Amino acid sequence: MKSFMSYSFMRGQGLVEYALILVAVALVAVLALALTGNTLESTYCSIAEAIGMADCEGDSIGDGGGPGGGGEDESAEGCSFGFESEADLKGWTGAGSDGYLFLENGGMCMRSDGNERAFLHPCAVKGSSGDFTVRANGVTVARETGGNVGVDILFRSKDENNGYRFSYQATSEQVKFWKVVEGKHIQLSSTRLPRELQGKQLDFRIEVVGDVFIAYVRDTAVLKASDSMFTEGQVGFYNYKGAKTCIGDFSVENQ
């Protein structure tokens, strides 16, 4: 009898010790998660997705991008330029000490010396299939020297010789979508702006959804094109050789 009681006591003591060990392991695991910035939820999701039990994408709670989240997903980032200081001129290729890109009257202007010039910025969609909207407000295009007078808005551009363009030709009030491949221009679509949209100062918006591009002038859709050759790249401007073009503000909003 004594032997049986002793065995039962030892068995009970062993269970308590096992329980304490499990608690200690759990505490260590929680501490490790806290130190690495993970949560029990995210860890569970990772394990569940790995074995095919659940898909937690878009369902996170709190700081994530799901319902109730207060954070912003990286893919939703974009860029915005108010052109209020010299800082807004940084990052543009072609913007150096030559003075061809400068601030004037609350906007950014591109000066011509009889040569066409491209100014590109790397802010654009992340990944190969992102949708985004480009806005250029308060655009004025005036003749400065002899030559064509107009400006192109570049998007999904590897460089000035490869990518897409939306062009505005001030002398004819025509707008066009182009695909440029190794410097060769391929017209995708073209139209002349209706009289009520012509003017000295214009607001342009270009919505890019997959391989479909729609251009708006003063919130009125004016031109559409479709092409799938380029899926990512830089944004920017291409100033014609006879033009002085000024932009009030410029932004790229990724969807």
C-alpha atoms as a PDB file:
ATOM      1  CA  MET A   1       0.000   0.000   0.000  1.00  0.00           C
ATOM      2  CA  LYS A   2       2.793   2.340   0.892  1.00  0.00           C
ATOM      3  CA  SER A   3       4.546   1.505  -2.328  1.00  0.00           C
ATOM      4  CA  PHE A   4       1.414   2.264  -4.345  1.00  0.00           C
ATOM      5  CA  MET A   5       0.891   5.624  -2.598  1.00  0.00           C
ATOM      6  CA  SER A   6       4.517   6.531  -3.156  1.00  0.00           C
ATOM      7  CA  TYR A   7       4.187   5.700  -6.859  1.00  0.00           C
ATOM      8  CA  SER A   8       0.998   7.770  -7.144  1.00  0.00           C
ATOM      9  CA  PHE A   9       2.677  10.704  -5.425  1.00  0.00           C
ATOM     10  CA  MET A  10       5.703  10.499  -7.696  1.00  0.00           C
ATOM     11  CA  ARG A  11       3.461  10.264 -10.737  1.00  0.00           C
ATOM     12  CA  GLY A  12       1.508  13.369  -9.672  1.00  0.00           C
ATOM     13  CA  GLN A  13       4.709  15.233  -8.977  1.00  0.00           C
ATOM     14  CA  GLY A  14       5.953  14.349 -12.459  1.00  0.00           C
ATOM     15  CA  LEU A  15       2.811  15.730 -14.089  1.00  0.00           C
ATOM     16  CA  VAL A  16       3.241  19.014 -12.227  1.00  0.00           C
ATOM     17  CA  GLU A  17       6.837  19.254 -13.383  1.00  0.00           C
ATOM     18  CA  TYR A  18       5.798  18.604 -16.984  1.00  0.00           C
ATOM     19  CA  ALA A  19       3.150  21.314 -16.716  1.00  0.00           C
ATOM     20  CA  LEU A  20       5.696  23.801 -15.371  1.00  0.00           C
ATOM     21  CA  ILE A  21       8.055  22.966 -18.222  1.00  0.00           C
ATOM     22  CA  LEU A  22       5.298  23.532 -20.794  1.00  0.00           C
ATOM     23  CA  VAL A  23       4.433  26.896 -19.213  1.00  0.00           C
ATOM     24  CA  ALA A  24       8.087  27.907 -19.304  1.00  0.00           C
ATOM     25  CA  VAL A  25       8.369  26.929 -22.966  1.00  0.00           C
ATOM     26  CA  ALA A  26       5.229  28.925 -23.787  1.00  0.00           C
ATOM     27  CA  LEU A  27       6.592  31.999 -21.997  1.00  0.00           C
ATOM     28  CA  VAL A  28       9.861  31.753 -23.889  1.00  0.00           C
ATOM     29  CA  ALA A  29       7.972  31.437 -27.188  1.00  0.00           C
ATOM     30  CA  VAL A  30       5.799  34.493 -26.455  1.00  0.00           C
ATOM     31  CA  LEU A  31       8.877  36.504 -25.468  1.00  0.00           C
ATOM     32  CA  ALA A  32      10.639  35.479 -28.675  1.00  0.00           C
ATOM     33  CA  LEU A  33       7.642  36.556 -30.761  1.00  0.00           C
ATOM     34  CA  ALA A  34       7.549  39.916 -28.999  1.00  0.00           C
ATOM     35  CA  LEU A  35      11.262  40.512 -29.573  1.00  0.00           C
ATOM     36  CA  THR A  36      10.978  39.714 -33.300  1.00  0.00           C
ATOM     37  CA  GLY A  37       7.862  41.842 -33.787  1.00  0.00           C
ATOM     38  CA  ASN A  38       5.622  38.908 -34.692  1.00  0.00           C
ATOM     39  CA  THR A  39       2.244  38.046 -33.224  1.00  0.00           C
ATOM     40  CA  LEU A  40       0.565  34.792 -32.357  1.00  0.00           C
ATOM     41  CA  GLU A  41      -1.924  35.504 -35.128  1.00  0.00           C
ATOM     42  CA  SER A  42       0.740  36.024 -37.778  1.00  0.00           C
ATOM     43  CA  THR A  43       2.632  32.938 -36.631  1.00  0.00           C
ATOM     44  CA  TYR A  44      -0.545  30.846 -36.758  1.00  0.00           C
ATOM     45  CA  CYS A  45      -1.304  32.192 -40.234  1.00  0.00           C
ATOM     46  CA  SER A  46       2.159  31.304 -41.474  1.00  0.00           C
ATOM     47  CA  ILE A  47       1.838  27.736 -40.189  1.00  0.00           C
ATOM     48  CA  ALA A  48      -1.751  27.370 -41.431  1.00  0.00           C
ATOM     49  CA  GLU A  49      -0.896  28.653 -44.904  1.00  0.00           C
ATOM     50  CA  ALA A  50       2.141  26.371 -45.082  1.00  0.00           C
ATOM     51  CA  ILE A  51       0.023  23.262 -44.530  1.00  0.00           C
ATOM     52  CA  GLY A  52      -2.913  24.541 -46.596  1.00  0.00           C
ATOM     53  CA  MET A  53      -5.370  25.023 -43.743  1.00  0.00           C
ATOM     54  CA  ALA A  54      -6.055  28.727 -44.222  1.00  0.00           C
ATOM     55  CA  ASP A  55      -5.411  31.810 -46.311  1.00  0.00           C
ATOM     56  CA  CYS A  56      -4.808  34.775 -44.044  1.00  0.00           C
ATOM     57  CA  GLU A  57      -3.968  37.316 -46.741  1.00  0.00           C
ATOM     58  CA  GLY A  58      -6.008  40.497 -46.285  1.00  0.00           C
ATOM     59  CA  ASP A  59      -7.542  39.263 -43.017  1.00  0.00           C
ATOM     60  CA  SER A  60      -5.039  40.661 -40.525  1.00  0.00           C
ATOM     61  CA  ILE A  61      -6.287  42.836 -37.720  1.00  0.00           C
ATOM     62  CA  GLY A  62      -4.795  45.982 -36.283  1.00  0.00           C
ATOM     63  CA  ASP A  63      -1.951  47.615 -38.170  1.00  0.00           C
ATOM     64  CA  GLY A  64      -2.312  45.582 -41.353  1.00  0.00           C
ATOM     65  CA  GLY A  65      -4.225  46.288 -44.508  1.00  0.00           C
ATOM     66  CA  GLY A  66      -7.343  44.305 -43.617  1.00  0.00           C
ATOM     67  CA  PRO A  67     -10.602  45.488 -42.080  1.00  0.00           C
ATOM     68  CA  GLY A  68     -10.007  47.626 -39.026  1.00  0.00           C
ATOM     69  CA  GLY A  69      -6.338  48.153 -39.893  1.00  0.00           C
ATOM     70  CA  GLY A  70      -4.785  51.574 -39.573  1.00  0.00           C
ATOM     71  CA  GLY A  71      -1.669  50.947 -41.659  1.00  0.00           C
ATOM     72  CA  GLU A  72      -0.993  51.521 -45.354  1.00  0.00           C
ATOM     73  CA  ASP A  73       0.175  48.709 -47.588  1.00  0.00           C
ATOM     74  CA  GLU A  74       3.453  49.332 -49.361  1.00  0.00           C
ATOM     75  CA  SER A  75       1.830  48.650 -52.721  1.00  0.00           C
ATOM     76  CA  ALA A  76      -0.509  51.602 -52.097  1.00  0.00           C
ATOM     77  CA  GLU A  77       2.366  54.060 -51.843  1.00  0.00           C
ATOM     78  CA  GLY A  78       2.990  56.681 -54.474  1.00  0.00           C
ATOM     79  CA  CYS A  79       4.608  60.082 -54.707  1.00  0.00           C
ATOM     80  CA  SER A  80       3.496  63.680 -54.721  1.00  0.00           C
ATOM     81  CA  PHE A  81       5.252  66.918 -55.651  1.00  0.00           C
ATOM     82  CA  GLY A  82       3.869  70.326 -54.743  1.00  0.00           C
ATOM     83  CA  PHE A  83       6.960  72.047 -56.166  1.00  0.00           C
ATOM     84  CA  GLU A  84       7.181  74.388 -53.215  1.00  0.00           C
ATOM     85  CA  SER A  85      10.907  73.926 -52.565  1.00  0.00           C
ATOM     86  CA  GLU A  86      14.100  72.786 -54.265  1.00  0.00           C
ATOM     87  CA  ALA A  87      13.667  69.410 -52.536  1.00  0.00           C
ATOM     88  CA  ASP A  88      10.909  68.599 -55.044  1.00  0.00           C
ATOM     89  CA  LEU A  89      13.450  68.809 -57.863  1.00  0.00           C
ATOM     90  CA  LYS A  90      15.658  66.089 -56.419  1.00  0.00           C
ATOM     91  CA  GLY A  91      15.516  62.614 -57.888  1.00  0.00           C
ATOM     92  CA  TRP A  92      14.610  63.728 -61.403  1.00  0.00           C
ATOM     93  CA  THR A  93      17.041  62.544 -64.054  1.00  0.00           C
ATOM     94  CA  GLY A  94      17.994  65.419 -66.293  1.00  0.00           C
ATOM     95  CA  ALA A  95      17.636  67.885 -63.410  1.00  0.00           C
ATOM     96  CA  GLY A  96      21.109  69.205 -62.717  1.00  0.00           C
ATOM     97  CA  SER A  97      22.956  72.455 -62.473  1.00  0.00           C
ATOM     98  CA  ASP A  98      22.156  73.165 -66.128  1.00  0.00           C
ATOM     99  CA  GLY A  99      18.990  74.993 -65.074  1.00  0.00           C
ATOM    100  CA  TYR A 100      16.620  73.247 -67.464  1.00  0.00           C
ATOM    101  CA  LEU A 101      14.386  72.224 -64.535  1.00  0.00           C
ATOM    102  CA  PHE A 102      13.525  74.996 -62.078  1.00  0.00           C
ATOM    103  CA  LEU A 103      10.855  76.449 -59.778  1.00  0.00           C
ATOM    104  CA  GLU A 104       8.775  79.417 -60.858  1.00  0.00           C
ATOM    105  CA  ASN A 105       5.510  80.936 -59.611  1.00  0.00           C
ATOM    106  CA  GLY A 106       4.639  77.971 -57.381  1.00  0.00           C
ATOM    107  CA  GLY A 107       5.357  75.284 -59.949  1.00  0.00           C
ATOM    108  CA  MET A 108       8.085  73.346 -61.725  1.00  0.00           C
ATOM    109  CA  CYS A 109       9.119  74.559 -65.158  1.00  0.00           C
ATOM    110  CA  MET A 110      11.116  72.968 -67.966  1.00  0.00           C
ATOM    111  CA  ARG A 111      13.183  75.309 -70.080  1.00  0.00           C
ATOM    112  CA  SER A 112      14.039  74.692 -73.711  1.00  0.00           C
ATOM    113  CA  ASP A 113      17.201  75.690 -75.545  1.00  0.00           C
ATOM    114  CA  GLY A 114      16.032  74.320 -78.867  1.00  0.00           C
ATOM    115  CA  ASN A 115      16.467  70.693 -77.767  1.00  0.00           C
ATOM    116  CA  GLU A 116      13.920  68.181 -76.508  1.00  0.00           C
ATOM    117  CA  ARG A 117      14.598  66.983 -72.972  1.00  0.00           C
ATOM    118  CA  ALA A 118      13.273  64.176 -70.769  1.00  0.00           C
ATOM    119  CA  PHE A 119      12.931  64.390 -66.990  1.00  0.00           C
ATOM    120  CA  LEU A 120      12.225  61.047 -65.308  1.00  0.00           C
ATOM    121  CA  HIS A 121      11.556  60.051 -61.706  1.00  0.00           C
ATOM    122  CA  PRO A 122      11.723  56.470 -60.337  1.00  0.00           C
ATOM    123  CA  CYS A 123       8.548  56.755 -58.271  1.00  0.00           C
ATOM    124  CA  ALA A 124       6.050  54.383 -59.853  1.00  0.00           C
ATOM    125  CA  VAL A 125       4.165  51.199 -59.175  1.00  0.00           C
ATOM    126  CA  LYS A 126       5.976  48.384 -57.398  1.00  0.00           C
ATOM    127  CA  GLY A 127       5.823  45.054 -59.170  1.00  0.00           C
ATOM    128  CA  SER A 128       4.886  44.227 -62.709  1.00  0.00           C
ATOM    129  CA  SER A 129       1.114  44.534 -62.752  1.00  0.00           C
ATOM    130  CA  GLY A 130       0.237  47.482 -60.519  1.00  0.00           C
ATOM    131  CA  ASP A 131      -2.500  49.956 -61.424  1.00  0.00           C
ATOM    132  CA  PHE A 132      -1.957  53.652 -60.814  1.00  0.00           C
ATOM    133  CA  THR A 133      -3.091  57.187 -61.583  1.00  0.00           C
ATOM    134  CA  VAL A 134      -0.832  60.006 -62.745  1.00  0.00           C
ATOM    135  CA  ARG A 135      -1.955  63.591 -62.161  1.00  0.00           C
ATOM    136  CA  ALA A 136      -0.391  66.765 -63.551  1.00  0.00           C
ATOM    137  CA  ASN A 137      -2.332  69.882 -62.573  1.00  0.00           C
ATOM    138  CA  GLY A 138      -1.965  73.485 -63.618  1.00  0.00           C
ATOM    139  CA  VAL A 139      -0.061  72.629 -66.796  1.00  0.00           C
ATOM    140  CA  THR A 140       0.898  75.520 -69.071  1.00  0.00           C
ATOM    141  CA  VAL A 141       2.784  75.171 -72.354  1.00  0.00           C
ATOM    142  CA  ALA A 142       4.131  78.315 -74.025  1.00  0.00           C
ATOM    143  CA  ARG A 143       6.382  78.921 -76.996  1.00  0.00           C
ATOM    144  CA  GLU A 144       9.958  79.779 -76.022  1.00  0.00           C
ATOM    145  CA  THR A 145      11.956  79.083 -79.182  1.00  0.00           C
ATOM    146  CA  GLY A 146      11.350  77.785 -82.671  1.00  0.00           C
ATOM    147  CA  GLY A 147      10.152  74.201 -82.976  1.00  0.00           C
ATOM    148  CA  ASN A 148       7.281  72.075 -81.735  1.00  0.00           C
ATOM    149  CA  VAL A 149       5.396  73.312 -78.685  1.00  0.00           C
ATOM    150  CA  GLY A 150       4.105  70.600 -76.378  1.00  0.00           C
ATOM    151  CA  VAL A 151       4.853  68.157 -73.590  1.00  0.00           C
ATOM    152  CA  ASP A 152       4.634  64.397 -73.033  1.00  0.00           C
ATOM    153  CA  ILE A 153       3.794  62.688 -69.758  1.00  0.00           C
ATOM    154  CA  LEU A 154       5.887  59.526 -69.550  1.00  0.00           C
ATOM    155  CA  PHE A 155       4.876  56.387 -67.643  1.00  0.00           C
ATOM    156  CA  ARG A 156       6.124  52.807 -67.408  1.00  0.00           C
ATOM    157  CA  SER A 157       9.310  54.121 -68.976  1.00  0.00           C
ATOM    158  CA  LYS A 158      12.657  52.358 -68.790  1.00  0.00           C
ATOM    159  CA  ASP A 159      14.197  55.525 -70.215  1.00  0.00           C
ATOM    160  CA  GLU A 160      13.193  58.219 -72.676  1.00  0.00           C
ATOM    161  CA  ASN A 161      13.515  55.757 -75.568  1.00  0.00           C
ATOM    162  CA  ASN A 162      11.406  52.917 -74.120  1.00  0.00           C
ATOM    163  CA  GLY A 163       7.984  53.256 -72.519  1.00  0.00           C
ATOM    164  CA  TYR A 164       4.580  54.912 -72.894  1.00  0.00           C
ATOM    165  CA  ARG A 165       3.710  58.568 -73.425  1.00  0.00           C
ATOM    166  CA  PHE A 166       0.668  60.765 -73.315  1.00  0.00           C
ATOM    167  CA  SER A 167       1.391  63.825 -75.428  1.00  0.00           C
ATOM    168  CA  TYR A 168      -0.225  67.245 -75.555  1.00  0.00           C
ATOM    169  CA  GLN A 169       0.555  69.399 -78.599  1.00  0.00           C
ATOM    170  CA  ALA A 170      -0.315  72.978 -77.740  1.00  0.00           C
ATOM    171  CA  THR A 171      -0.354  74.382 -81.275  1.00  0.00           C
ATOM    172  CA  SER A 172      -2.891  71.858 -82.596  1.00  0.00           C
ATOM    173  CA  GLU A 173      -4.635  71.014 -79.283  1.00  0.00           C
ATOM    174  CA  GLN A 174      -4.133  67.321 -80.063  1.00  0.00           C
ATOM    175  CA  VAL A 175      -3.520  64.582 -77.498  1.00  0.00           C
ATOM    176  CA  LYS A 176      -2.006  61.186 -78.285  1.00  0.00           C
ATOM    177  CA  PHE A 177      -0.910  57.966 -76.647  1.00  0.00           C
ATOM    178  CA  TRP A 178       2.421  56.596 -77.861  1.00  0.00           C
ATOM    179  CA  LYS A 179       4.478  53.482 -77.354  1.00  0.00           C
ATOM    180  CA  VAL A 180       8.193  54.154 -77.757  1.00  0.00           C
ATOM    181  CA  VAL A 181      10.496  51.207 -78.489  1.00  0.00           C
ATOM    182  CA  GLU A 182      14.211  51.903 -78.867  1.00  0.00           C
ATOM    183  CA  GLY A 183      13.375  55.469 -79.852  1.00  0.00           C
ATOM    184  CA  LYS A 184      10.748  54.478 -82.427  1.00  0.00           C
ATOM    185  CA  HIS A 185       7.344  56.103 -81.818  1.00  0.00           C
ATOM    186  CA  ILE A 186       4.266  53.940 -82.407  1.00  0.00           C
ATOM    187  CA  GLN A 187       0.977  55.834 -82.151  1.00  0.00           C
ATOM    188  CA  LEU A 188      -1.703  54.028 -80.141  1.00  0.00           C
ATOM    189  CA  SER A 189      -4.521  56.594 -80.319  1.00  0.00           C
ATOM    190  CA  SER A 190      -5.123  60.267 -81.061  1.00  0.00           C
ATOM    191  CA  THR A 191      -7.792  62.970 -80.884  1.00  0.00           C
ATOM    192  CA  ARG A 192      -8.203  66.732 -80.837  1.00  0.00           C
ATOM    193  CA  LEU A 193      -9.428  68.304 -77.637  1.00  0.00           C
ATOM    194  CA  PRO A 194     -12.935  69.774 -77.840  1.00  0.00           C
ATOM    195  CA  ARG A 195     -13.011  73.554 -77.723  1.00  0.00           C
ATOM    196  CA  GLU A 196     -14.374  73.693 -74.180  1.00  0.00           C
ATOM    197  CA  LEU A 197     -11.324  71.806 -72.889  1.00  0.00           C
ATOM    198  CA  GLN A 198      -8.743  73.885 -74.712  1.00  0.00           C
ATOM    199  CA  GLY A 199      -7.021  76.526 -72.684  1.00  0.00           C
ATOM    200  CA  LYS A 200      -3.861  78.032 -71.338  1.00  0.00           C
ATOM    201  CA  GLN A 201      -3.884  75.964 -68.130  1.00  0.00           C
ATOM    202  CA  LEU A 202      -4.893  72.308 -68.063  1.00  0.00           C
ATOM    203  CA  ASP A 203      -5.271  69.482 -65.555  1.00  0.00           C
ATOM    204  CA  PHE A 204      -4.273  66.044 -66.851  1.00  0.00           C
ATOM    205  CA  ARG A 205      -5.064  62.669 -65.305  1.00  0.00           C
ATOM    206  CA  ILE A 206      -3.957  59.315 -66.687  1.00  0.00           C
ATOM    207  CA  GLU A 207      -5.451  56.148 -65.244  1.00  0.00           C
ATOM    208  CA  VAL A 208      -3.447  52.987 -65.911  1.00  0.00           C
ATOM    209  CA  VAL A 209      -5.307  49.735 -65.225  1.00  0.00           C
ATOM    210  CA  GLY A 210      -3.500  46.680 -66.519  1.00  0.00           C
ATOM    211  CA  ASP A 211      -2.956  47.262 -70.226  1.00  0.00           C
ATOM    212  CA  VAL A 212      -5.632  49.968 -70.550  1.00  0.00           C
ATOM    213  CA  PHE A 213      -4.807  53.690 -70.366  1.00  0.00           C
ATOM    214  CA  ILE A 214      -7.414  56.450 -70.117  1.00  0.00           C
ATOM    215  CA  ALA A 215      -6.535  60.149 -70.270  1.00  0.00           C
ATOM    216  CA  TYR A 216      -8.669  62.849 -68.672  1.00  0.00           C
ATOM    217  CA  VAL A 217      -8.538  66.606 -69.160  1.00  0.00           C
ATOM    218  CA  ARG A 218     -10.315  68.593 -66.454  1.00  0.00           C
ATOM    219  CA  ASP A 219     -11.972  65.349 -65.296  1.00  0.00           C
ATOM    220  CA  THR A 220     -13.369  64.596 -68.763  1.00  0.00           C
ATOM    221  CA  ALA A 221     -12.233  61.380 -70.451  1.00  0.00           C
ATOM    222  CA  VAL A 222     -10.712  62.326 -73.800  1.00  0.00           C
ATOM    223  CA  LEU A 223      -8.564  59.411 -74.984  1.00  0.00           C
ATOM    224  CA  LYS A 224      -8.118  55.675 -74.462  1.00  0.00           C
ATOM    225  CA  ALA A 225      -5.457  53.192 -75.539  1.00  0.00           C
ATOM    226  CA  SER A 226      -4.384  49.647 -74.783  1.00  0.00           C
ATOM    227  CA  ASP A 227      -1.010  47.913 -74.924  1.00  0.00           C
ATOM    228  CA  SER A 228       0.832  45.320 -72.845  1.00  0.00           C
ATOM    229  CA  MET A 229       4.483  45.609 -73.846  1.00  0.00           C
ATOM    230  CA  PHE A 230       5.678  47.622 -70.823  1.00  0.00           C
ATOM    231  CA  THR A 231       4.467  46.665 -67.354  1.00  0.00           C
ATOM    232  CA  GLU A 232       6.597  48.887 -65.101  1.00  0.00           C
ATOM    233  CA  GLY A 233       9.009  51.788 -65.168  1.00  0.00           C
ATOM    234  CA  GLN A 234       9.537  55.434 -64.336  1.00  0.00           C
ATOM    235  CA  VAL A 235       7.274  58.443 -64.742  1.00  0.00           C
ATOM    236  CA  GLY A 236       8.136  61.912 -65.946  1.00  0.00           C
ATOM    237  CA  PHE A 237       7.963  64.543 -68.673  1.00  0.00           C
ATOM    238  CA  TYR A 238       9.362  65.127 -72.140  1.00  0.00           C
ATOM    239  CA  ASN A 239       9.530  68.797 -73.059  1.00  0.00           C
ATOM    240  CA  TYR A 240       9.398  69.739 -76.741  1.00  0.00           C
ATOM    241  CA  LYS A 241      12.206  71.796 -78.253  1.00  0.00           C
ATOM    242  CA  GLY A 242      10.142  74.970 -78.708  1.00  0.00           C
ATOM    243  CA  ALA A 243       8.297  74.889 -75.377  1.00  0.00           C
ATOM    244  CA  LYS A 244       8.510  76.191 -71.866  1.00  0.00           C
ATOM    245  CA  THR A 245       6.276  73.876 -69.832  1.00  0.00           C
ATOM    246  CA  CYS A 246       5.265  74.494 -66.215  1.00  0.00           C
ATOM    247  CA  ILE A 247       3.501  72.067 -63.844  1.00  0.00           C
ATOM    248  CA  GLY A 248       1.602  73.246 -60.767  1.00  0.00           C
ATOM    249  CA  ASP A 249       1.720  69.874 -58.987  1.00  0.00           C
ATOM    250  CA  PHE A 250       2.356  66.266 -59.910  1.00  0.00           C
ATOM    251  CA  SER A 251       1.498  62.947 -58.270  1.00  0.00           C
ATOM    252  CA  VAL A 252       1.436  59.201 -58.812  1.00  0.00           C
ATOM    253  CA  GLU A 253      -1.103  57.242 -56.776  1.00  0.00           C
ATOM    254  CA  ASN A 254      -0.771  53.473 -56.816  1.00  0.00           C
ATOM    255  CA  GLN A 255      -4.007  51.491 -56.527  1.00  0.00           C
END
